[in-house]
């Protein structure tokens, strides 16, 4: 596939996701809540998780309408997690996506409520009523909700964040670090792939291969994040650079060294490509290029 074709696909899909977020995140929520929600999710971010949903749906020849809802839902969960993670009781950060964090802009209480509302909205988006034009079959609604809930909960993202906070100042082994990030970052990225795949019908071999792809890509994303945290400036990252080191948090760089972390990212890229190769799917080019995008990114 030509890079220009991939760039065009990304541009079109990002526009579709942004339009859907604009439509489904309510400006009318009371007492300024809608404004805080929209500030936290619109006009910013890489939208990697929605792109993974849509690319996996393409590979599975799945239902586009369901995949777009899944793409919005997973981005809402991701955005809510960033709002909460940035708060003083957790990572205590003041910069996100190149602008003040939600609690800095709107206050801690409103930020907490905005995150709560966005988490609930994600599942509302996944369960449209029967009268809506892009209705999703009930069985698919349930499957998508289950995948997202498990990835976001105590066994996934929230559990990983709990381990992260409990590990400040501690020395973790590579295995312990991998387990933490498999939950904190990897689970939602893997779920993005599987939610897109669930919008189609795949044999077990292809499903398992996509799960492996998502797991490798999820860890690769975090490894690269740790590398960028020590090699790029805040202006480039859109968030506070060097914060993990300042907060004495274990990272892939602190555990493996910079060269070791880079080698790990390359190994995970290879594993992601190998998983796609064994999937038996013929339309996985977008997923392949997204894996490269994750590892090669500079912000």
C-alpha atoms as a PDB file:
ATOM      1  CA  UNK A   1       0.000   0.000   0.000  1.00  0.00           C
ATOM      2  CA  UNK A   2       1.242   3.503  -0.823  1.00  0.00           C
ATOM      3  CA  UNK A   3       1.899   5.839   2.087  1.00  0.00           C
ATOM      4  CA  UNK A   4      -0.293   8.438   0.394  1.00  0.00           C
ATOM      5  CA  UNK A   5      -3.231   5.998   0.449  1.00  0.00           C
ATOM      6  CA  UNK A   6      -2.710   5.362   4.155  1.00  0.00           C
ATOM      7  CA  UNK A   7      -2.472   9.079   4.865  1.00  0.00           C
ATOM      8  CA  UNK A   8      -5.721   9.681   2.989  1.00  0.00           C
ATOM      9  CA  UNK A   9      -7.433   6.860   4.888  1.00  0.00           C
ATOM     10  CA  UNK A  10      -6.253   8.290   8.204  1.00  0.00           C
ATOM     11  CA  UNK A  11      -7.370  11.799   7.306  1.00  0.00           C
ATOM     12  CA  UNK A  12     -10.841  10.602   6.332  1.00  0.00           C
ATOM     13  CA  UNK A  13     -11.237   8.390   9.391  1.00  0.00           C
ATOM     14  CA  UNK A  14      -9.995  11.055  11.797  1.00  0.00           C
ATOM     15  CA  UNK A  15     -12.518  13.480  10.331  1.00  0.00           C
ATOM     16  CA  UNK A  16     -15.297  10.889  10.755  1.00  0.00           C
ATOM     17  CA  UNK A  17     -14.343  10.240  14.387  1.00  0.00           C
ATOM     18  CA  UNK A  18     -14.093  13.949  15.183  1.00  0.00           C
ATOM     19  CA  UNK A  19     -17.494  14.587  13.622  1.00  0.00           C
ATOM     20  CA  UNK A  20     -19.040  11.731  15.621  1.00  0.00           C
ATOM     21  CA  UNK A  21     -17.489  12.964  18.880  1.00  0.00           C
ATOM     22  CA  UNK A  22     -18.752  16.459  18.144  1.00  0.00           C
ATOM     23  CA  UNK A  23     -22.224  15.028  17.602  1.00  0.00           C
ATOM     24  CA  UNK A  24     -22.395  12.666  20.579  1.00  0.00           C
ATOM     25  CA  UNK A  25     -20.604  14.582  23.347  1.00  0.00           C
ATOM     26  CA  UNK A  26     -23.335  16.907  24.600  1.00  0.00           C
ATOM     27  CA  UNK A  27     -22.698  20.610  24.956  1.00  0.00           C
ATOM     28  CA  UNK A  28     -25.998  20.815  26.820  1.00  0.00           C
ATOM     29  CA  UNK A  29     -24.980  18.831  29.929  1.00  0.00           C
ATOM     30  CA  UNK A  30     -25.929  20.979  32.956  1.00  0.00           C
ATOM     31  CA  UNK A  31     -23.901  23.452  34.990  1.00  0.00           C
ATOM     32  CA  UNK A  32     -20.988  23.641  32.541  1.00  0.00           C
ATOM     33  CA  UNK A  33     -20.406  19.881  32.576  1.00  0.00           C
ATOM     34  CA  UNK A  34     -20.805  19.628  28.794  1.00  0.00           C
ATOM     35  CA  UNK A  35     -18.149  22.266  28.243  1.00  0.00           C
ATOM     36  CA  UNK A  36     -15.681  20.380  30.450  1.00  0.00           C
ATOM     37  CA  UNK A  37     -16.433  17.081  28.690  1.00  0.00           C
ATOM     38  CA  UNK A  38     -15.942  18.564  25.254  1.00  0.00           C
ATOM     39  CA  UNK A  39     -12.751  20.345  26.333  1.00  0.00           C
ATOM     40  CA  UNK A  40     -11.369  17.004  27.513  1.00  0.00           C
ATOM     41  CA  UNK A  41     -12.017  15.014  24.356  1.00  0.00           C
ATOM     42  CA  UNK A  42     -12.455  17.261  21.294  1.00  0.00           C
ATOM     43  CA  UNK A  43      -9.766  18.831  19.116  1.00  0.00           C
ATOM     44  CA  UNK A  44      -6.766  16.940  20.368  1.00  0.00           C
ATOM     45  CA  UNK A  45      -5.042  13.587  20.682  1.00  0.00           C
ATOM     46  CA  UNK A  46      -3.728  11.051  18.217  1.00  0.00           C
ATOM     47  CA  UNK A  47      -7.020   9.106  18.035  1.00  0.00           C
ATOM     48  CA  UNK A  48      -4.965   5.914  17.752  1.00  0.00           C
ATOM     49  CA  UNK A  49      -7.593   3.794  19.478  1.00  0.00           C
ATOM     50  CA  UNK A  50     -10.418   4.820  17.126  1.00  0.00           C
ATOM     51  CA  UNK A  51      -8.118   4.226  14.141  1.00  0.00           C
ATOM     52  CA  UNK A  52      -7.375   0.723  15.417  1.00  0.00           C
ATOM     53  CA  UNK A  53     -11.101   0.004  15.771  1.00  0.00           C
ATOM     54  CA  UNK A  54     -11.797   1.139  12.220  1.00  0.00           C
ATOM     55  CA  UNK A  55      -8.769  -0.602  10.705  1.00  0.00           C
ATOM     56  CA  UNK A  56      -9.671  -3.881  12.416  1.00  0.00           C
ATOM     57  CA  UNK A  57     -13.255  -3.539  11.197  1.00  0.00           C
ATOM     58  CA  UNK A  58     -11.940  -3.096   7.653  1.00  0.00           C
ATOM     59  CA  UNK A  59      -9.783  -6.207   8.045  1.00  0.00           C
ATOM     60  CA  UNK A  60     -12.781  -8.178   9.320  1.00  0.00           C
ATOM     61  CA  UNK A  61     -15.125  -6.787   6.621  1.00  0.00           C
ATOM     62  CA  UNK A  62     -17.338  -5.655   9.482  1.00  0.00           C
ATOM     63  CA  UNK A  63     -20.242  -3.296  10.102  1.00  0.00           C
ATOM     64  CA  UNK A  64     -19.063   0.290   9.648  1.00  0.00           C
ATOM     65  CA  UNK A  65     -21.829   1.887  11.738  1.00  0.00           C
ATOM     66  CA  UNK A  66     -21.070  -0.318  14.742  1.00  0.00           C
ATOM     67  CA  UNK A  67     -17.331   0.279  14.373  1.00  0.00           C
ATOM     68  CA  UNK A  68     -17.744   4.054  14.355  1.00  0.00           C
ATOM     69  CA  UNK A  69     -19.710   3.855  17.593  1.00  0.00           C
ATOM     70  CA  UNK A  70     -17.029   1.589  19.058  1.00  0.00           C
ATOM     71  CA  UNK A  71     -14.337   4.042  17.935  1.00  0.00           C
ATOM     72  CA  UNK A  72     -16.069   6.902  19.727  1.00  0.00           C
ATOM     73  CA  UNK A  73     -16.697   4.810  22.837  1.00  0.00           C
ATOM     74  CA  UNK A  74     -13.084   3.737  23.238  1.00  0.00           C
ATOM     75  CA  UNK A  75     -11.868   7.321  22.755  1.00  0.00           C
ATOM     76  CA  UNK A  76     -14.289   8.500  25.440  1.00  0.00           C
ATOM     77  CA  UNK A  77     -12.894   5.921  27.854  1.00  0.00           C
ATOM     78  CA  UNK A  78      -9.346   6.937  26.980  1.00  0.00           C
ATOM     79  CA  UNK A  79     -10.087  10.650  27.373  1.00  0.00           C
ATOM     80  CA  UNK A  80     -11.869  10.146  30.708  1.00  0.00           C
ATOM     81  CA  UNK A  81      -8.870   8.188  31.986  1.00  0.00           C
ATOM     82  CA  UNK A  82      -6.523  11.035  31.047  1.00  0.00           C
ATOM     83  CA  UNK A  83      -8.709  13.580  32.853  1.00  0.00           C
ATOM     84  CA  UNK A  84      -8.633  11.502  36.041  1.00  0.00           C
ATOM     85  CA  UNK A  85      -4.954  10.517  35.725  1.00  0.00           C
ATOM     86  CA  UNK A  86      -3.918  14.170  35.456  1.00  0.00           C
ATOM     87  CA  UNK A  87      -5.623  15.149  38.712  1.00  0.00           C
ATOM     88  CA  UNK A  88      -3.603  16.042  41.836  1.00  0.00           C
ATOM     89  CA  UNK A  89      -4.628  12.828  43.604  1.00  0.00           C
ATOM     90  CA  UNK A  90      -2.963  10.760  40.865  1.00  0.00           C
ATOM     91  CA  UNK A  91      -0.310  12.016  38.411  1.00  0.00           C
ATOM     92  CA  UNK A  92      -0.840  15.716  39.210  1.00  0.00           C
ATOM     93  CA  UNK A  93      -0.122  17.141  35.754  1.00  0.00           C
ATOM     94  CA  UNK A  94      -1.015  20.540  34.331  1.00  0.00           C
ATOM     95  CA  UNK A  95      -0.518  19.960  30.584  1.00  0.00           C
ATOM     96  CA  UNK A  96      -2.337  17.567  28.257  1.00  0.00           C
ATOM     97  CA  UNK A  97      -2.634  17.630  24.473  1.00  0.00           C
ATOM     98  CA  UNK A  98      -0.840  20.963  24.439  1.00  0.00           C
ATOM     99  CA  UNK A  99      -3.294  22.777  26.713  1.00  0.00           C
ATOM    100  CA  UNK A 100      -4.068  23.049  30.441  1.00  0.00           C
ATOM    101  CA  UNK A 101      -5.502  19.874  31.909  1.00  0.00           C
ATOM    102  CA  UNK A 102      -9.222  19.724  32.624  1.00  0.00           C
ATOM    103  CA  UNK A 103      -8.886  20.172  36.389  1.00  0.00           C
ATOM    104  CA  UNK A 104      -6.674  23.229  35.849  1.00  0.00           C
ATOM    105  CA  UNK A 105      -9.205  24.751  33.474  1.00  0.00           C
ATOM    106  CA  UNK A 106     -12.448  23.781  35.236  1.00  0.00           C
ATOM    107  CA  UNK A 107     -11.546  22.753  38.794  1.00  0.00           C
ATOM    108  CA  UNK A 108     -11.107  19.320  40.352  1.00  0.00           C
ATOM    109  CA  UNK A 109     -14.776  18.576  41.031  1.00  0.00           C
ATOM    110  CA  UNK A 110     -15.866  19.393  37.490  1.00  0.00           C
ATOM    111  CA  UNK A 111     -12.975  17.373  36.073  1.00  0.00           C
ATOM    112  CA  UNK A 112     -13.979  14.358  38.145  1.00  0.00           C
ATOM    113  CA  UNK A 113     -17.594  14.665  36.997  1.00  0.00           C
ATOM    114  CA  UNK A 114     -16.568  15.153  33.361  1.00  0.00           C
ATOM    115  CA  UNK A 115     -14.599  11.913  33.482  1.00  0.00           C
ATOM    116  CA  UNK A 116     -17.481  10.089  35.173  1.00  0.00           C
ATOM    117  CA  UNK A 117     -19.944  11.336  32.565  1.00  0.00           C
ATOM    118  CA  UNK A 118     -17.670  10.395  29.663  1.00  0.00           C
ATOM    119  CA  UNK A 119     -17.256   6.874  31.009  1.00  0.00           C
ATOM    120  CA  UNK A 120     -21.028   6.457  31.131  1.00  0.00           C
ATOM    121  CA  UNK A 121     -21.457   8.091  27.716  1.00  0.00           C
ATOM    122  CA  UNK A 122     -19.134   5.515  26.153  1.00  0.00           C
ATOM    123  CA  UNK A 123     -21.575   2.726  26.973  1.00  0.00           C
ATOM    124  CA  UNK A 124     -24.546   4.872  25.965  1.00  0.00           C
ATOM    125  CA  UNK A 125     -22.954   5.326  22.526  1.00  0.00           C
ATOM    126  CA  UNK A 126     -22.478   1.552  22.242  1.00  0.00           C
ATOM    127  CA  UNK A 127     -26.161   0.840  22.966  1.00  0.00           C
ATOM    128  CA  UNK A 128     -28.276   2.892  20.548  1.00  0.00           C
ATOM    129  CA  UNK A 129     -32.029   2.496  20.780  1.00  0.00           C
ATOM    130  CA  UNK A 130     -33.969   0.509  18.166  1.00  0.00           C
ATOM    131  CA  UNK A 131     -35.294   3.688  16.546  1.00  0.00           C
ATOM    132  CA  UNK A 132     -31.856   5.086  15.710  1.00  0.00           C
ATOM    133  CA  UNK A 133     -30.752   4.986  12.085  1.00  0.00           C
ATOM    134  CA  UNK A 134     -27.464   3.185  12.772  1.00  0.00           C
ATOM    135  CA  UNK A 135     -28.871   0.653  15.234  1.00  0.00           C
ATOM    136  CA  UNK A 136     -26.461  -2.077  16.361  1.00  0.00           C
ATOM    137  CA  UNK A 137     -27.765  -5.649  16.928  1.00  0.00           C
ATOM    138  CA  UNK A 138     -28.227  -6.332  20.652  1.00  0.00           C
ATOM    139  CA  UNK A 139     -25.776  -9.250  20.686  1.00  0.00           C
ATOM    140  CA  UNK A 140     -23.074  -7.070  19.155  1.00  0.00           C
ATOM    141  CA  UNK A 141     -23.881  -4.285  21.617  1.00  0.00           C
ATOM    142  CA  UNK A 142     -23.335  -6.704  24.494  1.00  0.00           C
ATOM    143  CA  UNK A 143     -20.092  -8.020  23.036  1.00  0.00           C
ATOM    144  CA  UNK A 144     -18.674  -4.536  22.490  1.00  0.00           C
ATOM    145  CA  UNK A 145     -19.685  -3.423  25.991  1.00  0.00           C
ATOM    146  CA  UNK A 146     -18.047  -6.500  27.498  1.00  0.00           C
ATOM    147  CA  UNK A 147     -14.776  -5.976  25.652  1.00  0.00           C
ATOM    148  CA  UNK A 148     -14.618  -2.321  26.647  1.00  0.00           C
ATOM    149  CA  UNK A 149     -15.635  -2.849  30.277  1.00  0.00           C
ATOM    150  CA  UNK A 150     -13.049  -5.556  30.871  1.00  0.00           C
ATOM    151  CA  UNK A 151     -10.296  -3.466  29.276  1.00  0.00           C
ATOM    152  CA  UNK A 152     -11.172  -0.392  31.358  1.00  0.00           C
ATOM    153  CA  UNK A 153     -11.783  -2.030  34.731  1.00  0.00           C
ATOM    154  CA  UNK A 154      -9.809  -3.543  37.583  1.00  0.00           C
ATOM    155  CA  UNK A 155      -8.189  -6.215  35.418  1.00  0.00           C
ATOM    156  CA  UNK A 156      -7.259  -3.649  32.782  1.00  0.00           C
ATOM    157  CA  UNK A 157      -6.669   0.094  32.724  1.00  0.00           C
ATOM    158  CA  UNK A 158      -7.829   0.972  36.251  1.00  0.00           C
ATOM    159  CA  UNK A 159      -5.914  -1.940  37.759  1.00  0.00           C
ATOM    160  CA  UNK A 160      -2.796  -0.926  35.882  1.00  0.00           C
ATOM    161  CA  UNK A 161      -3.077   2.634  37.151  1.00  0.00           C
ATOM    162  CA  UNK A 162      -3.415   1.316  40.704  1.00  0.00           C
ATOM    163  CA  UNK A 163      -0.199  -0.679  40.266  1.00  0.00           C
ATOM    164  CA  UNK A 164       1.489   2.383  38.763  1.00  0.00           C
ATOM    165  CA  UNK A 165       0.624   4.561  41.742  1.00  0.00           C
ATOM    166  CA  UNK A 166       1.683   1.835  44.180  1.00  0.00           C
ATOM    167  CA  UNK A 167       5.036   1.434  42.407  1.00  0.00           C
ATOM    168  CA  UNK A 168       6.348   4.985  42.829  1.00  0.00           C
ATOM    169  CA  UNK A 169       9.865   4.803  44.207  1.00  0.00           C
ATOM    170  CA  UNK A 170      10.045   1.005  43.830  1.00  0.00           C
ATOM    171  CA  UNK A 171      12.239  -1.111  41.578  1.00  0.00           C
ATOM    172  CA  UNK A 172      10.198  -3.356  39.297  1.00  0.00           C
ATOM    173  CA  UNK A 173      11.452  -6.274  37.269  1.00  0.00           C
ATOM    174  CA  UNK A 174      10.824  -6.240  33.537  1.00  0.00           C
ATOM    175  CA  UNK A 175       8.083  -8.834  34.061  1.00  0.00           C
ATOM    176  CA  UNK A 176       6.353  -6.689  36.685  1.00  0.00           C
ATOM    177  CA  UNK A 177       6.642  -3.602  34.488  1.00  0.00           C
ATOM    178  CA  UNK A 178       5.178  -5.501  31.539  1.00  0.00           C
ATOM    179  CA  UNK A 179       2.238  -6.692  33.632  1.00  0.00           C
ATOM    180  CA  UNK A 180       1.513  -3.154  34.811  1.00  0.00           C
ATOM    181  CA  UNK A 181       1.548  -1.700  31.298  1.00  0.00           C
ATOM    182  CA  UNK A 182      -0.284  -4.656  29.778  1.00  0.00           C
ATOM    183  CA  UNK A 183      -3.133  -3.517  31.997  1.00  0.00           C
ATOM    184  CA  UNK A 184      -2.714   0.261  32.161  1.00  0.00           C
ATOM    185  CA  UNK A 185      -2.041   0.971  28.477  1.00  0.00           C
ATOM    186  CA  UNK A 186      -2.129  -2.279  26.558  1.00  0.00           C
ATOM    187  CA  UNK A 187      -5.587  -3.525  27.527  1.00  0.00           C
ATOM    188  CA  UNK A 188      -7.472  -0.613  25.965  1.00  0.00           C
ATOM    189  CA  UNK A 189      -5.352  -0.674  22.807  1.00  0.00           C
ATOM    190  CA  UNK A 190      -5.905  -4.412  22.432  1.00  0.00           C
ATOM    191  CA  UNK A 191      -9.624  -3.938  23.091  1.00  0.00           C
ATOM    192  CA  UNK A 192      -9.740  -1.317  20.331  1.00  0.00           C
ATOM    193  CA  UNK A 193      -8.511  -3.930  17.853  1.00  0.00           C
ATOM    194  CA  UNK A 194     -10.883  -6.595  19.128  1.00  0.00           C
ATOM    195  CA  UNK A 195     -13.898  -4.270  19.161  1.00  0.00           C
ATOM    196  CA  UNK A 196     -13.290  -3.513  15.494  1.00  0.00           C
ATOM    197  CA  UNK A 197     -12.846  -7.210  14.768  1.00  0.00           C
ATOM    198  CA  UNK A 198     -16.076  -8.019  16.641  1.00  0.00           C
ATOM    199  CA  UNK A 199     -17.979  -5.884  14.127  1.00  0.00           C
ATOM    200  CA  UNK A 200     -17.280  -8.619  11.570  1.00  0.00           C
ATOM    201  CA  UNK A 201     -17.232 -12.407  11.670  1.00  0.00           C
ATOM    202  CA  UNK A 202     -13.809 -13.993  12.046  1.00  0.00           C
ATOM    203  CA  UNK A 203     -12.559 -17.556  12.536  1.00  0.00           C
ATOM    204  CA  UNK A 204     -10.816 -18.307  15.825  1.00  0.00           C
ATOM    205  CA  UNK A 205      -7.375 -18.225  14.186  1.00  0.00           C
ATOM    206  CA  UNK A 206      -7.842 -14.678  12.928  1.00  0.00           C
ATOM    207  CA  UNK A 207      -9.351 -13.497  16.241  1.00  0.00           C
ATOM    208  CA  UNK A 208      -6.443 -14.928  18.237  1.00  0.00           C
ATOM    209  CA  UNK A 209      -3.927 -13.391  15.845  1.00  0.00           C
ATOM    210  CA  UNK A 210      -5.529  -9.961  16.166  1.00  0.00           C
ATOM    211  CA  UNK A 211      -5.488 -10.337  19.944  1.00  0.00           C
ATOM    212  CA  UNK A 212      -1.762 -11.024  19.723  1.00  0.00           C
ATOM    213  CA  UNK A 213      -1.267  -8.051  17.420  1.00  0.00           C
ATOM    214  CA  UNK A 214      -3.150  -5.804  19.856  1.00  0.00           C
ATOM    215  CA  UNK A 215      -1.139  -7.048  22.834  1.00  0.00           C
ATOM    216  CA  UNK A 216       2.199  -6.401  21.097  1.00  0.00           C
ATOM    217  CA  UNK A 217       1.135  -3.002  19.816  1.00  0.00           C
ATOM    218  CA  UNK A 218      -0.197  -2.015  23.246  1.00  0.00           C
ATOM    219  CA  UNK A 219       3.125  -2.685  24.932  1.00  0.00           C
ATOM    220  CA  UNK A 220       5.056  -1.072  22.059  1.00  0.00           C
ATOM    221  CA  UNK A 221       3.049   2.109  22.541  1.00  0.00           C
ATOM    222  CA  UNK A 222       4.073   2.307  26.193  1.00  0.00           C
ATOM    223  CA  UNK A 223       7.724   1.511  25.503  1.00  0.00           C
ATOM    224  CA  UNK A 224       7.859   4.325  22.947  1.00  0.00           C
ATOM    225  CA  UNK A 225       6.038   6.630  25.380  1.00  0.00           C
ATOM    226  CA  UNK A 226       8.747   5.969  27.958  1.00  0.00           C
ATOM    227  CA  UNK A 227      11.451   6.669  25.373  1.00  0.00           C
ATOM    228  CA  UNK A 228       9.828   9.918  24.265  1.00  0.00           C
ATOM    229  CA  UNK A 229       9.421  11.027  27.879  1.00  0.00           C
ATOM    230  CA  UNK A 230      13.221  11.311  28.172  1.00  0.00           C
ATOM    231  CA  UNK A 231      14.111  12.318  24.600  1.00  0.00           C
ATOM    232  CA  UNK A 232      11.513  14.943  23.642  1.00  0.00           C
ATOM    233  CA  UNK A 233      10.474  18.349  24.961  1.00  0.00           C
ATOM    234  CA  UNK A 234       7.087  19.144  26.490  1.00  0.00           C
ATOM    235  CA  UNK A 235       6.228  21.328  23.483  1.00  0.00           C
ATOM    236  CA  UNK A 236       6.660  18.339  21.183  1.00  0.00           C
ATOM    237  CA  UNK A 237       4.819  15.867  23.389  1.00  0.00           C
ATOM    238  CA  UNK A 238       1.939  18.171  24.355  1.00  0.00           C
ATOM    239  CA  UNK A 239       2.383  17.005  27.947  1.00  0.00           C
ATOM    240  CA  UNK A 240       5.020  17.427  30.639  1.00  0.00           C
ATOM    241  CA  UNK A 241       8.247  15.730  29.539  1.00  0.00           C
ATOM    242  CA  UNK A 242      10.462  13.936  32.058  1.00  0.00           C
ATOM    243  CA  UNK A 243       7.647  13.638  34.583  1.00  0.00           C
ATOM    244  CA  UNK A 244       8.022   9.884  35.173  1.00  0.00           C
ATOM    245  CA  UNK A 245      11.686  10.314  36.077  1.00  0.00           C
ATOM    246  CA  UNK A 246      10.878  13.315  38.256  1.00  0.00           C
ATOM    247  CA  UNK A 247       8.180  11.327  40.075  1.00  0.00           C
ATOM    248  CA  UNK A 248      10.562   8.347  40.481  1.00  0.00           C
ATOM    249  CA  UNK A 249       8.303   5.984  38.514  1.00  0.00           C
ATOM    250  CA  UNK A 250       9.679   2.778  36.991  1.00  0.00           C
ATOM    251  CA  UNK A 251       9.714   2.889  33.168  1.00  0.00           C
ATOM    252  CA  UNK A 252      11.075   0.784  30.343  1.00  0.00           C
ATOM    253  CA  UNK A 253      13.987   3.215  30.094  1.00  0.00           C
ATOM    254  CA  UNK A 254      14.807   3.004  33.806  1.00  0.00           C
ATOM    255  CA  UNK A 255      14.585  -0.800  33.739  1.00  0.00           C
ATOM    256  CA  UNK A 256      16.149  -1.587  30.332  1.00  0.00           C
ATOM    257  CA  UNK A 257      18.114   1.560  29.520  1.00  0.00           C
ATOM    258  CA  UNK A 258      17.441   3.709  26.460  1.00  0.00           C
ATOM    259  CA  UNK A 259      19.031   1.320  23.954  1.00  0.00           C
ATOM    260  CA  UNK A 260      17.315  -1.649  25.554  1.00  0.00           C
ATOM    261  CA  UNK A 261      13.936   0.100  25.405  1.00  0.00           C
ATOM    262  CA  UNK A 262      14.445   0.894  21.723  1.00  0.00           C
ATOM    263  CA  UNK A 263      15.314  -2.731  21.027  1.00  0.00           C
ATOM    264  CA  UNK A 264      12.196  -3.813  22.916  1.00  0.00           C
ATOM    265  CA  UNK A 265      10.031  -1.517  20.794  1.00  0.00           C
ATOM    266  CA  UNK A 266      11.473  -3.027  17.618  1.00  0.00           C
ATOM    267  CA  UNK A 267      10.887  -6.560  18.903  1.00  0.00           C
ATOM    268  CA  UNK A 268       7.266  -5.729  19.685  1.00  0.00           C
ATOM    269  CA  UNK A 269       6.820  -4.199  16.228  1.00  0.00           C
ATOM    270  CA  UNK A 270       8.065  -7.471  14.703  1.00  0.00           C
ATOM    271  CA  UNK A 271       5.682  -9.479  16.876  1.00  0.00           C
ATOM    272  CA  UNK A 272       2.757  -7.314  15.793  1.00  0.00           C
ATOM    273  CA  UNK A 273       3.597  -7.840  12.123  1.00  0.00           C
ATOM    274  CA  UNK A 274       4.056 -11.582  12.646  1.00  0.00           C
ATOM    275  CA  UNK A 275       0.622 -11.791  14.273  1.00  0.00           C
ATOM    276  CA  UNK A 276      -0.984 -10.095  11.276  1.00  0.00           C
ATOM    277  CA  UNK A 277       0.844 -12.441   8.908  1.00  0.00           C
ATOM    278  CA  UNK A 278      -0.604 -15.509  10.635  1.00  0.00           C
ATOM    279  CA  UNK A 279      -4.123 -14.070  10.840  1.00  0.00           C
ATOM    280  CA  UNK A 280      -5.029 -15.221   7.348  1.00  0.00           C
ATOM    281  CA  UNK A 281      -6.668 -11.842   6.722  1.00  0.00           C
ATOM    282  CA  UNK A 282      -5.955 -10.190   3.399  1.00  0.00           C
ATOM    283  CA  UNK A 283      -6.942  -6.625   4.296  1.00  0.00           C
ATOM    284  CA  UNK A 284      -4.689  -5.844   7.231  1.00  0.00           C
ATOM    285  CA  UNK A 285      -2.479  -3.198   5.598  1.00  0.00           C
ATOM    286  CA  UNK A 286      -3.893  -0.376   7.729  1.00  0.00           C
ATOM    287  CA  UNK A 287      -3.209  -2.335  10.923  1.00  0.00           C
ATOM    288  CA  UNK A 288       0.335  -3.030   9.766  1.00  0.00           C
ATOM    289  CA  UNK A 289       1.004   0.638   9.053  1.00  0.00           C
ATOM    290  CA  UNK A 290      -0.530   1.679  12.369  1.00  0.00           C
ATOM    291  CA  UNK A 291       1.972  -0.579  14.153  1.00  0.00           C
ATOM    292  CA  UNK A 292       4.782   1.210  12.335  1.00  0.00           C
ATOM    293  CA  UNK A 293       3.225   4.559  13.203  1.00  0.00           C
ATOM    294  CA  UNK A 294       3.227   3.650  16.903  1.00  0.00           C
ATOM    295  CA  UNK A 295       6.895   2.664  16.965  1.00  0.00           C
ATOM    296  CA  UNK A 296       8.208   5.402  14.659  1.00  0.00           C
ATOM    297  CA  UNK A 297       6.301   8.329  16.216  1.00  0.00           C
ATOM    298  CA  UNK A 298       8.144  11.273  17.707  1.00  0.00           C
ATOM    299  CA  UNK A 299       5.373  12.658  19.917  1.00  0.00           C
END
